[in-house]
């Protein structure tokens, strides 16, 4: 496949996507924590719960979107698999949909 030239784009996340994220954060089923494990096996459960609560209750994506759009954004398809996004001299932040 012939690579496409980088295409400029503006970050505009649909409200439905943000609503879906908030709903999924609200519905998280938290596991039991291994007693005394803390950060030994990954992120401490309490820290992950705080992060999820912040994302659900206080994070304002709409405030961040214009801040990100202050930088030029480009989409560059590489080998038909993932978008590479580059902005303000940073190249290679890989965004893959699973």
Protein backbone atom coordinates (compact mmCIF):
# COMPACT_ATOMS: atom_id res chain seq x y z
CA UNK A 1 0.00 0.00 0.00
CA UNK A 2 1.27 3.44 -0.90
CA UNK A 3 1.40 5.74 2.13
CA UNK A 4 -0.91 8.74 2.02
CA UNK A 5 0.38 12.26 2.54
CA UNK A 6 -0.25 13.56 6.06
CA UNK A 7 -3.68 15.18 6.29
CA UNK A 8 -4.43 18.04 8.70
CA UNK A 9 -7.38 17.56 11.05
CA UNK A 10 -9.05 19.22 14.00
CA UNK A 11 -9.86 17.28 17.15
CA UNK A 12 -13.65 17.17 17.44
CA UNK A 13 -14.82 14.32 19.64
CA UNK A 14 -18.55 13.70 19.20
CA UNK A 15 -20.67 14.24 22.30
CA UNK A 16 -21.94 10.65 21.98
CA UNK A 17 -18.38 9.36 22.42
CA UNK A 18 -17.87 11.45 25.57
CA UNK A 19 -21.27 10.37 26.94
CA UNK A 20 -20.35 6.73 26.30
CA UNK A 21 -17.05 7.19 28.15
CA UNK A 22 -18.79 8.80 31.14
CA UNK A 23 -21.31 5.94 31.21
CA UNK A 24 -18.57 3.30 31.08
CA UNK A 25 -16.67 5.06 33.89
CA UNK A 26 -19.88 5.07 35.92
CA UNK A 27 -20.43 1.33 35.34
CA UNK A 28 -16.94 0.09 36.26
CA UNK A 29 -17.01 -3.11 38.30
CA UNK A 30 -13.97 -2.81 40.51
CA UNK A 31 -12.03 -5.95 41.49
CA UNK A 32 -11.05 -6.82 45.01
CA UNK A 33 -7.60 -5.55 45.91
CA UNK A 34 -4.91 -7.95 47.03
CA UNK A 35 -4.44 -7.04 50.72
CA UNK A 36 -1.27 -5.02 51.27
CA UNK A 37 -0.29 -5.15 47.59
CA UNK A 38 -0.40 -1.40 46.97
CA UNK A 39 1.44 -0.79 43.70
CA UNK A 40 3.24 -4.15 43.67
CA UNK A 41 1.00 -5.70 40.97
CA UNK A 42 0.17 -2.54 39.02
CA UNK A 43 -1.81 0.57 39.85
CA UNK A 44 -3.21 0.68 43.37
CA UNK A 45 -6.98 0.21 43.27
CA UNK A 46 -7.64 3.42 45.20
CA UNK A 47 -5.56 5.45 42.72
CA UNK A 48 -7.41 3.97 39.75
CA UNK A 49 -10.76 4.68 41.42
CA UNK A 50 -9.71 8.31 42.02
CA UNK A 51 -8.67 8.65 38.39
CA UNK A 52 -11.95 7.18 37.14
CA UNK A 53 -13.95 9.47 39.45
CA UNK A 54 -12.01 12.48 38.15
CA UNK A 55 -12.71 11.45 34.56
CA UNK A 56 -16.38 10.93 35.29
CA UNK A 57 -17.09 13.90 37.56
CA UNK A 58 -14.58 16.68 36.95
CA UNK A 59 -12.59 16.33 33.70
CA UNK A 60 -13.89 18.73 31.06
CA UNK A 61 -12.90 17.49 27.62
CA UNK A 62 -14.51 20.46 25.91
CA UNK A 63 -12.10 22.78 27.75
CA UNK A 64 -9.11 20.70 26.63
CA UNK A 65 -10.13 20.28 22.97
CA UNK A 66 -9.38 23.88 21.91
CA UNK A 67 -6.10 23.76 23.83
CA UNK A 68 -5.03 20.71 21.81
CA UNK A 69 -6.26 22.31 18.59
CA UNK A 70 -3.90 25.25 19.13
CA UNK A 71 -1.29 22.92 17.65
CA UNK A 72 -1.39 21.66 14.08
CA UNK A 73 -2.71 18.10 14.02
CA UNK A 74 -1.96 15.64 11.22
CA UNK A 75 -3.17 12.17 10.44
CA UNK A 76 -0.68 9.94 8.63
CA UNK A 77 -1.72 6.40 7.70
CA UNK A 78 1.21 3.99 7.88
CA UNK A 79 0.88 0.61 6.22
CA UNK A 80 -2.90 0.76 6.61
CA UNK A 81 -2.86 -0.10 10.30
CA UNK A 82 -2.73 2.88 12.62
CA UNK A 83 -2.98 6.62 12.51
CA UNK A 84 0.14 8.49 13.47
CA UNK A 85 -0.64 11.87 14.92
CA UNK A 86 1.94 14.63 14.94
CA UNK A 87 1.79 18.16 16.29
CA UNK A 88 4.15 21.04 17.03
CA UNK A 89 7.24 19.04 16.09
CA UNK A 90 6.27 15.88 17.97
CA UNK A 91 5.82 12.90 15.66
CA UNK A 92 4.82 9.35 16.32
CA UNK A 93 2.13 9.37 18.99
CA UNK A 94 0.39 6.22 17.86
CA UNK A 95 -3.38 6.04 18.15
CA UNK A 96 -4.78 2.60 17.40
CA UNK A 97 -8.40 1.55 17.71
CA UNK A 98 -8.71 -1.84 19.36
